[in-house]
Amino acid sequence: MASQSKRARGRPRADDADAKIARILSEAAKLFAMQGFNKTSFASVATAVGMTLPGLTHYFPSKIGLLLAVLEDRDAEMFSQNPDRDPHKIFETLAQLMARDLTVGAQMTQLFRMLSAEAQSDTHPAHAWFKLRNEKILSSLSTDLSSLQRQGIIRSDVDCQDEAISILAMMEGLQLWWTRMPDTCRAKSIFDVFLEQTKQRLLVP
């Protein structure tokens, strides 16, 4: 029947829904980056998107759910741009990630630094998410360094997990300083020098 082939009245098409969700995530990310999670109201997100609050809850029933969706969306975008992780290019990859985070990903970098600071409290809704994410990233970088060590590229006396922590701490620390002092913190050049010094220190002569 013709009526069966038509989309049900009032039900959004899949592409319309996807576009709406993308807009919600984008506007929510901006507000979370500027104000943090605690100071951003669910109603303010609805207003920014041009929706009613009931309309917003149709897509995201809670502010916590929206926050986690924003974080997952940011990570999905980040990792999709680096699908082929080659341990032999780990230092180049880290430099590229830093450069991207300080340019095209600047807003999301600010968002992550803001929320990461807030989420230090174990009562924050994103606390567990950040903890798990940090563990995954540390494990990934440690694994890459260990792979190079097994191949005789990195010195055998190097503690790969300690070095991974050092690299990640420098990267995130510089990003935090950059979000606070973008005109004076030369985060990219400082990180490039740090990576080169680390590379020379770790590699077998």
N, C-alpha and C. Protein backbone atom coordinates (compact mmCIF):
# COMPACT_ATOMS: atom_id res chain seq x y z
N MET A 1 0.84 -1.20 0.00
CA MET A 1 0.00 0.00 0.00
C MET A 1 0.87 1.25 0.00
N ALA A 2 0.35 2.31 -0.64
CA ALA A 2 1.13 3.54 -0.73
C ALA A 2 1.43 4.11 0.63
N SER A 3 0.45 4.01 1.55
CA SER A 3 0.66 4.58 2.87
C SER A 3 1.77 3.88 3.62
N GLN A 4 2.01 2.59 3.32
CA GLN A 4 3.05 1.85 4.01
C GLN A 4 4.43 2.26 3.55
N SER A 5 4.54 2.81 2.34
CA SER A 5 5.84 3.20 1.82
C SER A 5 6.25 4.59 2.29
N LYS A 6 5.30 5.30 2.85
CA LYS A 6 5.59 6.65 3.31
C LYS A 6 6.15 6.62 4.72
N ARG A 7 7.01 7.60 5.01
CA ARG A 7 7.55 7.72 6.35
C ARG A 7 6.44 8.11 7.30
N ALA A 8 6.43 7.49 8.47
CA ALA A 8 5.41 7.80 9.46
C ALA A 8 5.41 9.28 9.78
N ARG A 9 4.21 9.86 9.86
CA ARG A 9 4.09 11.29 10.14
C ARG A 9 4.77 11.64 11.46
N GLY A 10 5.61 12.67 11.43
CA GLY A 10 6.25 13.14 12.65
C GLY A 10 7.55 12.43 12.98
N ARG A 11 7.88 11.36 12.27
CA ARG A 11 9.12 10.64 12.55
C ARG A 11 10.22 11.19 11.65
N PRO A 12 11.34 11.69 12.22
CA PRO A 12 12.39 12.28 11.40
C PRO A 12 13.11 11.23 10.56
N ARG A 13 13.52 11.63 9.36
CA ARG A 13 14.31 10.74 8.53
C ARG A 13 15.67 10.52 9.19
N ALA A 14 16.32 9.40 8.83
CA ALA A 14 17.60 9.06 9.47
C ALA A 14 18.64 10.15 9.24
N ASP A 15 18.70 10.69 7.99
CA ASP A 15 19.71 11.71 7.72
C ASP A 15 19.40 13.00 8.47
N ASP A 16 18.10 13.32 8.62
CA ASP A 16 17.72 14.50 9.40
C ASP A 16 18.12 14.32 10.87
N ALA A 17 17.88 13.13 11.40
CA ALA A 17 18.22 12.85 12.79
C ALA A 17 19.72 12.92 13.01
N ASP A 18 20.50 12.37 12.07
CA ASP A 18 21.95 12.40 12.19
C ASP A 18 22.47 13.84 12.18
N ALA A 19 21.90 14.67 11.31
CA ALA A 19 22.31 16.07 11.24
C ALA A 19 21.97 16.79 12.53
N LYS A 20 20.80 16.49 13.08
CA LYS A 20 20.38 17.12 14.33
C LYS A 20 21.29 16.72 15.47
N ILE A 21 21.63 15.43 15.54
CA ILE A 21 22.53 14.95 16.60
C ILE A 21 23.90 15.60 16.48
N ALA A 22 24.40 15.71 15.25
CA ALA A 22 25.70 16.35 15.04
C ALA A 22 25.68 17.80 15.51
N ARG A 23 24.57 18.49 15.24
CA ARG A 23 24.44 19.89 15.67
C ARG A 23 24.38 19.98 17.20
N ILE A 24 23.65 19.08 17.81
CA ILE A 24 23.56 19.07 19.28
C ILE A 24 24.93 18.84 19.90
N LEU A 25 25.67 17.86 19.38
CA LEU A 25 26.99 17.55 19.92
C LEU A 25 27.94 18.73 19.74
N SER A 26 27.85 19.39 18.60
CA SER A 26 28.72 20.53 18.33
C SER A 26 28.44 21.69 19.29
N GLU A 27 27.17 22.03 19.45
CA GLU A 27 26.81 23.15 20.33
C GLU A 27 27.08 22.81 21.79
N ALA A 28 26.82 21.57 22.18
CA ALA A 28 27.09 21.16 23.56
C ALA A 28 28.59 21.23 23.84
N ALA A 29 29.40 20.81 22.87
CA ALA A 29 30.85 20.85 23.05
C ALA A 29 31.32 22.28 23.27
N LYS A 30 30.76 23.22 22.52
CA LYS A 30 31.15 24.63 22.68
C LYS A 30 30.81 25.13 24.09
N LEU A 31 29.61 24.80 24.55
CA LEU A 31 29.19 25.27 25.88
C LEU A 31 29.99 24.60 26.98
N PHE A 32 30.23 23.30 26.87
CA PHE A 32 31.02 22.60 27.88
C PHE A 32 32.45 23.15 27.91
N ALA A 33 32.99 23.49 26.73
CA ALA A 33 34.36 24.02 26.66
C ALA A 33 34.45 25.39 27.32
N MET A 34 33.42 26.21 27.14
CA MET A 34 33.44 27.57 27.69
C MET A 34 33.10 27.61 29.17
N GLN A 35 32.15 26.77 29.59
CA GLN A 35 31.60 26.89 30.94
C GLN A 35 31.85 25.68 31.83
N GLY A 36 32.27 24.56 31.24
CA GLY A 36 32.39 23.34 32.02
C GLY A 36 31.05 22.63 32.10
N PHE A 37 31.08 21.41 32.58
CA PHE A 37 29.85 20.61 32.66
C PHE A 37 28.89 21.16 33.72
N ASN A 38 29.42 21.48 34.88
CA ASN A 38 28.56 21.87 36.00
C ASN A 38 27.80 23.17 35.76
N LYS A 39 28.42 24.10 35.03
CA LYS A 39 27.80 25.40 34.81
C LYS A 39 26.97 25.46 33.53
N THR A 40 26.96 24.39 32.77
CA THR A 40 26.17 24.35 31.54
C THR A 40 24.85 23.66 31.82
N SER A 41 23.77 24.37 31.62
CA SER A 41 22.45 23.77 31.86
C SER A 41 21.98 23.05 30.62
N PHE A 42 21.15 22.05 30.83
CA PHE A 42 20.56 21.31 29.72
C PHE A 42 19.72 22.25 28.86
N ALA A 43 19.03 23.18 29.51
CA ALA A 43 18.18 24.13 28.80
C ALA A 43 19.00 25.03 27.88
N SER A 44 20.22 25.40 28.32
CA SER A 44 21.05 26.29 27.49
C SER A 44 21.50 25.58 26.22
N VAL A 45 21.71 24.27 26.31
CA VAL A 45 22.06 23.50 25.11
C VAL A 45 20.88 23.50 24.14
N ALA A 46 19.69 23.27 24.67
CA ALA A 46 18.49 23.27 23.83
C ALA A 46 18.32 24.62 23.13
N THR A 47 18.54 25.70 23.87
CA THR A 47 18.42 27.04 23.29
C THR A 47 19.44 27.25 22.18
N ALA A 48 20.68 26.81 22.41
CA ALA A 48 21.75 26.99 21.42
C ALA A 48 21.45 26.26 20.12
N VAL A 49 20.76 25.13 20.23
CA VAL A 49 20.43 24.33 19.05
C VAL A 49 19.12 24.78 18.41
N GLY A 50 18.35 25.61 19.14
CA GLY A 50 17.06 26.05 18.63
C GLY A 50 15.98 25.02 18.81
N MET A 51 16.05 24.29 19.94
CA MET A 51 15.07 23.25 20.23
C MET A 51 14.41 23.53 21.57
N THR A 52 13.30 22.86 21.78
CA THR A 52 12.70 22.88 23.11
C THR A 52 13.42 21.85 23.97
N LEU A 53 13.28 21.96 25.27
CA LEU A 53 13.91 20.99 26.16
C LEU A 53 13.37 19.58 25.92
N PRO A 54 12.05 19.40 25.75
CA PRO A 54 11.55 18.06 25.43
C PRO A 54 12.12 17.54 24.11
N GLY A 55 12.33 18.45 23.15
CA GLY A 55 12.92 18.04 21.87
C GLY A 55 14.33 17.52 22.05
N LEU A 56 15.10 18.20 22.92
CA LEU A 56 16.48 17.76 23.17
C LEU A 56 16.51 16.41 23.88
N THR A 57 15.61 16.23 24.84
CA THR A 57 15.61 14.97 25.59
C THR A 57 15.16 13.79 24.72
N HIS A 58 14.54 14.08 23.58
CA HIS A 58 14.20 13.01 22.64
C HIS A 58 15.48 12.34 22.13
N TYR A 59 16.54 13.14 21.95
CA TYR A 59 17.81 12.62 21.45
C TYR A 59 18.75 12.23 22.59
N PHE A 60 18.76 13.04 23.64
CA PHE A 60 19.63 12.78 24.80
C PHE A 60 18.81 12.98 26.07
N PRO A 61 18.41 11.89 26.72
CA PRO A 61 17.52 11.98 27.88
C PRO A 61 18.11 12.73 29.08
N SER A 62 19.44 12.84 29.15
CA SER A 62 20.04 13.50 30.31
C SER A 62 21.29 14.28 29.90
N LYS A 63 21.67 15.24 30.73
CA LYS A 63 22.88 16.02 30.47
C LYS A 63 24.12 15.13 30.58
N ILE A 64 24.09 14.18 31.49
CA ILE A 64 25.21 13.25 31.62
C ILE A 64 25.39 12.43 30.35
N GLY A 65 24.28 11.94 29.82
CA GLY A 65 24.34 11.17 28.58
C GLY A 65 24.88 12.01 27.43
N LEU A 66 24.49 13.28 27.40
CA LEU A 66 24.98 14.19 26.36
C LEU A 66 26.48 14.42 26.52
N LEU A 67 26.93 14.62 27.74
CA LEU A 67 28.36 14.82 27.99
C LEU A 67 29.18 13.64 27.49
N LEU A 68 28.76 12.44 27.85
CA LEU A 68 29.50 11.25 27.43
C LEU A 68 29.48 11.09 25.91
N ALA A 69 28.37 11.46 25.28
CA ALA A 69 28.28 11.39 23.82
C ALA A 69 29.25 12.37 23.17
N VAL A 70 29.39 13.56 23.75
CA VAL A 70 30.34 14.56 23.24
C VAL A 70 31.77 14.02 23.35
N LEU A 71 32.10 13.43 24.48
CA LEU A 71 33.45 12.89 24.68
C LEU A 71 33.74 11.74 23.71
N GLU A 72 32.77 10.85 23.55
CA GLU A 72 32.96 9.72 22.64
C GLU A 72 33.10 10.21 21.20
N ASP A 73 32.33 11.24 20.84
CA ASP A 73 32.39 11.78 19.49
C ASP A 73 33.75 12.39 19.22
N ARG A 74 34.30 13.07 20.21
CA ARG A 74 35.62 13.69 20.05
C ARG A 74 36.69 12.63 19.86
N ASP A 75 36.63 11.57 20.66
CA ASP A 75 37.63 10.52 20.54
C ASP A 75 37.50 9.77 19.22
N ALA A 76 36.26 9.53 18.78
CA ALA A 76 36.04 8.83 17.52
C ALA A 76 36.63 9.62 16.36
N GLU A 77 36.46 10.94 16.40
CA GLU A 77 37.02 11.79 15.35
C GLU A 77 38.54 11.77 15.39
N MET A 78 39.10 11.81 16.60
CA MET A 78 40.55 11.83 16.74
C MET A 78 41.18 10.56 16.20
N PHE A 79 40.63 9.40 16.60
CA PHE A 79 41.24 8.14 16.21
C PHE A 79 40.97 7.80 14.75
N SER A 80 39.88 8.33 14.19
CA SER A 80 39.60 8.06 12.78
C SER A 80 40.62 8.73 11.87
N GLN A 81 41.27 9.78 12.38
CA GLN A 81 42.28 10.48 11.59
C GLN A 81 43.65 9.80 11.69
N ASN A 82 43.75 8.79 12.55
CA ASN A 82 45.01 8.06 12.69
C ASN A 82 44.72 6.56 12.72
N PRO A 83 44.15 6.03 11.61
CA PRO A 83 43.73 4.62 11.60
C PRO A 83 44.88 3.63 11.61
N ASP A 84 46.03 4.02 11.05
CA ASP A 84 47.16 3.10 10.93
C ASP A 84 48.24 3.49 11.93
N ARG A 85 48.20 2.87 13.10
CA ARG A 85 49.17 3.19 14.13
C ARG A 85 50.42 2.36 13.91
N ASP A 86 51.50 3.01 13.51
CA ASP A 86 52.76 2.33 13.25
C ASP A 86 53.74 2.69 14.37
N PRO A 87 54.14 1.71 15.19
CA PRO A 87 55.07 2.01 16.29
C PRO A 87 56.36 2.68 15.82
N HIS A 88 56.79 2.38 14.59
CA HIS A 88 58.02 2.97 14.08
C HIS A 88 57.89 4.47 13.83
N LYS A 89 56.65 4.96 13.76
CA LYS A 89 56.42 6.39 13.52
C LYS A 89 55.79 7.05 14.75
N ILE A 90 55.99 6.45 15.92
CA ILE A 90 55.28 6.92 17.11
C ILE A 90 55.61 8.37 17.45
N PHE A 91 56.87 8.78 17.30
CA PHE A 91 57.23 10.15 17.66
C PHE A 91 56.65 11.15 16.65
N GLU A 92 56.65 10.77 15.37
CA GLU A 92 56.04 11.63 14.36
C GLU A 92 54.54 11.74 14.58
N THR A 93 53.91 10.62 14.94
CA THR A 93 52.47 10.62 15.19
C THR A 93 52.11 11.51 16.37
N LEU A 94 52.89 11.44 17.43
CA LEU A 94 52.64 12.28 18.61
C LEU A 94 52.76 13.76 18.26
N ALA A 95 53.76 14.10 17.45
CA ALA A 95 53.94 15.49 17.03
C ALA A 95 52.75 15.96 16.20
N GLN A 96 52.26 15.09 15.32
CA GLN A 96 51.12 15.43 14.48
C GLN A 96 49.85 15.62 15.31
N LEU A 97 49.66 14.75 16.31
CA LEU A 97 48.50 14.86 17.18
C LEU A 97 48.51 16.19 17.94
N MET A 98 49.68 16.57 18.43
CA MET A 98 49.79 17.82 19.16
C MET A 98 49.48 19.00 18.25
N ALA A 99 50.04 18.98 17.04
CA ALA A 99 49.80 20.07 16.10
C ALA A 99 48.32 20.19 15.77
N ARG A 100 47.66 19.06 15.55
CA ARG A 100 46.23 19.09 15.22
C ARG A 100 45.40 19.61 16.38
N ASP A 101 45.74 19.16 17.60
CA ASP A 101 44.97 19.58 18.77
C ASP A 101 45.07 21.08 19.03
N LEU A 102 46.17 21.69 18.58
CA LEU A 102 46.36 23.12 18.81
C LEU A 102 45.86 23.98 17.65
N THR A 103 45.34 23.33 16.60
CA THR A 103 44.84 24.09 15.44
C THR A 103 43.38 23.75 15.19
N VAL A 104 43.13 22.75 14.34
CA VAL A 104 41.75 22.42 13.99
C VAL A 104 40.98 21.85 15.18
N GLY A 105 41.70 21.24 16.13
CA GLY A 105 41.02 20.66 17.28
C GLY A 105 41.10 21.51 18.52
N ALA A 106 41.35 22.81 18.35
CA ALA A 106 41.58 23.68 19.50
C ALA A 106 40.39 23.74 20.46
N GLN A 107 39.19 23.84 19.90
CA GLN A 107 38.01 23.93 20.76
C GLN A 107 37.83 22.66 21.58
N MET A 108 38.04 21.50 20.93
CA MET A 108 37.87 20.24 21.64
C MET A 108 38.99 20.01 22.64
N THR A 109 40.18 20.54 22.34
CA THR A 109 41.27 20.46 23.31
C THR A 109 40.90 21.24 24.56
N GLN A 110 40.33 22.43 24.37
CA GLN A 110 39.89 23.22 25.51
C GLN A 110 38.80 22.48 26.29
N LEU A 111 37.89 21.85 25.55
CA LEU A 111 36.83 21.07 26.19
C LEU A 111 37.41 19.96 27.05
N PHE A 112 38.35 19.21 26.49
CA PHE A 112 38.93 18.09 27.23
C PHE A 112 39.68 18.55 28.46
N ARG A 113 40.44 19.62 28.33
CA ARG A 113 41.20 20.10 29.48
C ARG A 113 40.26 20.60 30.57
N MET A 114 39.19 21.29 30.18
CA MET A 114 38.22 21.78 31.14
C MET A 114 37.54 20.63 31.87
N LEU A 115 37.04 19.66 31.11
CA LEU A 115 36.31 18.56 31.72
C LEU A 115 37.23 17.61 32.48
N SER A 116 38.45 17.44 31.99
CA SER A 116 39.40 16.57 32.68
C SER A 116 39.71 17.12 34.07
N ALA A 117 39.84 18.45 34.16
CA ALA A 117 40.09 19.07 35.46
C ALA A 117 38.89 18.89 36.39
N GLU A 118 37.69 19.11 35.84
CA GLU A 118 36.48 18.93 36.64
C GLU A 118 36.33 17.48 37.12
N ALA A 119 36.69 16.55 36.24
CA ALA A 119 36.45 15.13 36.51
C ALA A 119 37.43 14.51 37.49
N GLN A 120 38.32 15.31 38.07
CA GLN A 120 39.21 14.78 39.10
C GLN A 120 38.41 14.27 40.29
N SER A 121 37.26 14.89 40.53
CA SER A 121 36.39 14.44 41.62
C SER A 121 35.71 13.13 41.22
N ASP A 122 35.73 12.15 42.12
CA ASP A 122 35.13 10.86 41.77
C ASP A 122 33.61 10.91 41.73
N THR A 123 33.03 12.07 42.07
CA THR A 123 31.58 12.22 41.97
C THR A 123 31.16 12.82 40.63
N HIS A 124 32.14 13.25 39.84
CA HIS A 124 31.83 13.84 38.53
C HIS A 124 31.37 12.74 37.58
N PRO A 125 30.35 13.00 36.76
CA PRO A 125 29.82 11.95 35.87
C PRO A 125 30.81 11.43 34.84
N ALA A 126 31.86 12.22 34.54
CA ALA A 126 32.84 11.77 33.54
C ALA A 126 34.10 11.20 34.19
N HIS A 127 34.12 11.08 35.51
CA HIS A 127 35.32 10.61 36.21
C HIS A 127 35.75 9.22 35.71
N ALA A 128 34.82 8.29 35.68
CA ALA A 128 35.14 6.92 35.26
C ALA A 128 35.56 6.89 33.80
N TRP A 129 34.91 7.71 32.98
CA TRP A 129 35.22 7.74 31.54
C TRP A 129 36.66 8.20 31.33
N PHE A 130 37.07 9.28 31.99
CA PHE A 130 38.43 9.78 31.83
C PHE A 130 39.45 8.80 32.38
N LYS A 131 39.12 8.16 33.48
CA LYS A 131 40.05 7.18 34.08
C LYS A 131 40.30 6.03 33.11
N LEU A 132 39.23 5.50 32.53
CA LEU A 132 39.37 4.40 31.58
C LEU A 132 40.11 4.85 30.33
N ARG A 133 39.81 6.05 29.85
CA ARG A 133 40.47 6.57 28.66
C ARG A 133 41.97 6.73 28.89
N ASN A 134 42.34 7.28 30.04
CA ASN A 134 43.76 7.46 30.35
C ASN A 134 44.48 6.11 30.41
N GLU A 135 43.81 5.12 30.98
CA GLU A 135 44.42 3.79 31.05
C GLU A 135 44.63 3.20 29.65
N LYS A 136 43.66 3.41 28.76
CA LYS A 136 43.77 2.89 27.40
C LYS A 136 44.89 3.58 26.64
N ILE A 137 44.97 4.90 26.75
CA ILE A 137 46.00 5.65 26.03
C ILE A 137 47.39 5.29 26.55
N LEU A 138 47.52 5.18 27.87
CA LEU A 138 48.80 4.80 28.46
C LEU A 138 49.21 3.41 28.00
N SER A 139 48.26 2.49 28.00
CA SER A 139 48.55 1.12 27.56
C SER A 139 48.98 1.10 26.10
N SER A 140 48.30 1.89 25.26
CA SER A 140 48.60 1.92 23.83
C SER A 140 50.01 2.44 23.58
N LEU A 141 50.37 3.56 24.22
CA LEU A 141 51.69 4.15 24.01
C LEU A 141 52.78 3.26 24.60
N SER A 142 52.52 2.69 25.77
CA SER A 142 53.50 1.78 26.38
C SER A 142 53.75 0.57 25.49
N THR A 143 52.67 0.05 24.89
CA THR A 143 52.79 -1.11 24.00
C THR A 143 53.63 -0.78 22.78
N ASP A 144 53.42 0.41 22.21
CA ASP A 144 54.21 0.81 21.04
C ASP A 144 55.69 0.94 21.38
N LEU A 145 55.98 1.56 22.52
CA LEU A 145 57.38 1.71 22.92
C LEU A 145 58.01 0.35 23.22
N SER A 146 57.24 -0.53 23.85
CA SER A 146 57.75 -1.87 24.16
C SER A 146 58.03 -2.66 22.89
N SER A 147 57.19 -2.45 21.87
CA SER A 147 57.40 -3.12 20.59
C SER A 147 58.74 -2.69 19.98
N LEU A 148 59.04 -1.41 20.04
CA LEU A 148 60.31 -0.91 19.53
C LEU A 148 61.48 -1.44 20.37
N GLN A 149 61.24 -1.59 21.66
CA GLN A 149 62.28 -2.12 22.54
C GLN A 149 62.60 -3.58 22.19
N ARG A 150 61.58 -4.37 21.94
CA ARG A 150 61.79 -5.78 21.58
C ARG A 150 62.53 -5.92 20.25
N GLN A 151 62.37 -4.92 19.39
CA GLN A 151 63.05 -4.95 18.09
C GLN A 151 64.47 -4.39 18.17
N GLY A 152 64.88 -3.98 19.37
CA GLY A 152 66.22 -3.46 19.54
C GLY A 152 66.39 -2.02 19.12
N ILE A 153 65.27 -1.31 18.93
CA ILE A 153 65.33 0.10 18.51
C ILE A 153 65.44 1.02 19.71
N ILE A 154 64.75 0.66 20.80
CA ILE A 154 64.83 1.41 22.05
C ILE A 154 65.70 0.63 23.03
N ARG A 155 66.48 1.32 23.82
CA ARG A 155 67.41 0.69 24.75
C ARG A 155 66.69 -0.29 25.69
N SER A 156 67.37 -1.35 26.04
CA SER A 156 66.77 -2.41 26.86
C SER A 156 66.55 -1.98 28.31
N ASP A 157 67.27 -0.96 28.78
CA ASP A 157 67.13 -0.53 30.17
C ASP A 157 66.03 0.51 30.38
N VAL A 158 65.31 0.85 29.33
CA VAL A 158 64.25 1.86 29.40
C VAL A 158 62.98 1.26 29.98
N ASP A 159 62.36 1.97 30.93
CA ASP A 159 61.05 1.57 31.44
C ASP A 159 60.00 2.23 30.54
N CYS A 160 59.40 1.44 29.67
CA CYS A 160 58.50 1.99 28.65
C CYS A 160 57.25 2.64 29.24
N GLN A 161 56.74 2.09 30.33
CA GLN A 161 55.55 2.70 30.92
C GLN A 161 55.88 4.06 31.53
N ASP A 162 57.01 4.16 32.21
CA ASP A 162 57.41 5.45 32.78
C ASP A 162 57.60 6.49 31.68
N GLU A 163 58.20 6.08 30.57
CA GLU A 163 58.42 7.01 29.47
C GLU A 163 57.10 7.43 28.84
N ALA A 164 56.16 6.49 28.73
CA ALA A 164 54.84 6.82 28.18
C ALA A 164 54.13 7.84 29.07
N ILE A 165 54.21 7.63 30.38
CA ILE A 165 53.60 8.58 31.32
C ILE A 165 54.23 9.96 31.17
N SER A 166 55.55 10.00 31.03
CA SER A 166 56.26 11.27 30.88
C SER A 166 55.81 12.01 29.63
N ILE A 167 55.70 11.29 28.52
CA ILE A 167 55.29 11.91 27.26
C ILE A 167 53.86 12.44 27.34
N LEU A 168 52.95 11.62 27.88
CA LEU A 168 51.55 12.03 27.97
C LEU A 168 51.37 13.20 28.94
N ALA A 169 52.13 13.18 30.04
CA ALA A 169 52.04 14.27 31.01
C ALA A 169 52.52 15.58 30.40
N MET A 170 53.60 15.52 29.64
CA MET A 170 54.11 16.72 28.97
C MET A 170 53.10 17.23 27.94
N MET A 171 52.54 16.32 27.18
CA MET A 171 51.58 16.69 26.14
C MET A 171 50.35 17.37 26.74
N GLU A 172 49.77 16.73 27.75
CA GLU A 172 48.55 17.28 28.35
C GLU A 172 48.84 18.53 29.17
N GLY A 173 49.99 18.57 29.82
CA GLY A 173 50.35 19.75 30.59
C GLY A 173 50.53 20.97 29.71
N LEU A 174 51.20 20.79 28.57
CA LEU A 174 51.38 21.90 27.64
C LEU A 174 50.05 22.36 27.06
N GLN A 175 49.17 21.40 26.78
CA GLN A 175 47.86 21.78 26.26
C GLN A 175 47.07 22.58 27.29
N LEU A 176 47.21 22.22 28.55
CA LEU A 176 46.52 22.96 29.61
C LEU A 176 47.05 24.38 29.70
N TRP A 177 48.37 24.53 29.67
CA TRP A 177 48.96 25.87 29.70
C TRP A 177 48.54 26.67 28.48
N TRP A 178 48.48 26.00 27.32
CA TRP A 178 48.12 26.69 26.09
C TRP A 178 46.67 27.20 26.13
N THR A 179 45.76 26.42 26.72
CA THR A 179 44.37 26.88 26.80
C THR A 179 44.25 28.10 27.71
N ARG A 180 45.16 28.21 28.67
CA ARG A 180 45.13 29.35 29.60
C ARG A 180 45.90 30.55 29.06
N MET A 181 46.99 30.28 28.32
CA MET A 181 47.85 31.36 27.82
C MET A 181 48.21 31.12 26.36
N PRO A 182 47.23 31.15 25.46
CA PRO A 182 47.48 30.81 24.06
C PRO A 182 48.46 31.74 23.35
N ASP A 183 48.58 32.98 23.82
CA ASP A 183 49.45 33.94 23.15
C ASP A 183 50.90 33.84 23.59
N THR A 184 51.15 33.21 24.73
CA THR A 184 52.52 33.15 25.25
C THR A 184 53.08 31.75 25.37
N CYS A 185 52.22 30.74 25.42
CA CYS A 185 52.70 29.36 25.56
C CYS A 185 52.94 28.76 24.17
N ARG A 186 54.20 28.57 23.82
CA ARG A 186 54.56 27.99 22.51
C ARG A 186 54.55 26.46 22.63
N ALA A 187 53.36 25.93 22.87
CA ALA A 187 53.22 24.51 23.18
C ALA A 187 53.77 23.60 22.10
N LYS A 188 53.50 23.91 20.84
CA LYS A 188 53.93 23.03 19.74
C LYS A 188 55.45 22.95 19.67
N SER A 189 56.13 24.07 19.68
CA SER A 189 57.59 24.05 19.55
C SER A 189 58.25 23.43 20.78
N ILE A 190 57.69 23.68 21.96
CA ILE A 190 58.23 23.08 23.18
C ILE A 190 58.09 21.57 23.14
N PHE A 191 56.93 21.10 22.68
CA PHE A 191 56.69 19.66 22.61
C PHE A 191 57.58 19.01 21.56
N ASP A 192 57.80 19.68 20.45
CA ASP A 192 58.67 19.13 19.41
C ASP A 192 60.09 18.93 19.94
N VAL A 193 60.58 19.92 20.68
CA VAL A 193 61.93 19.81 21.26
C VAL A 193 61.98 18.68 22.27
N PHE A 194 60.94 18.59 23.11
CA PHE A 194 60.87 17.53 24.11
C PHE A 194 60.87 16.15 23.45
N LEU A 195 60.08 16.00 22.38
CA LEU A 195 60.01 14.71 21.69
C LEU A 195 61.36 14.33 21.08
N GLU A 196 62.03 15.30 20.48
CA GLU A 196 63.33 15.02 19.87
C GLU A 196 64.35 14.61 20.93
N GLN A 197 64.34 15.30 22.06
CA GLN A 197 65.26 14.95 23.15
C GLN A 197 64.94 13.56 23.70
N THR A 198 63.65 13.26 23.84
CA THR A 198 63.23 11.95 24.33
C THR A 198 63.64 10.85 23.36
N LYS A 199 63.42 11.11 22.09
CA LYS A 199 63.78 10.14 21.05
C LYS A 199 65.27 9.83 21.08
N GLN A 200 66.09 10.87 21.16
CA GLN A 200 67.54 10.67 21.18
C GLN A 200 68.00 9.93 22.44
N ARG A 201 67.29 10.17 23.53
CA ARG A 201 67.65 9.53 24.80
C ARG A 201 67.26 8.05 24.82
N LEU A 202 66.15 7.71 24.17
CA LEU A 202 65.64 6.34 24.24
C LEU A 202 66.24 5.41 23.19
N LEU A 203 66.55 5.94 22.03
CA LEU A 203 66.99 5.08 20.93
C LEU A 203 68.39 4.51 21.16
N VAL A 204 68.57 3.30 20.68
CA VAL A 204 69.89 2.67 20.73
C VAL A 204 70.82 3.44 19.80
N PRO A 205 72.01 3.83 20.27
CA PRO A 205 72.94 4.60 19.42
C PRO A 205 73.29 3.86 18.13
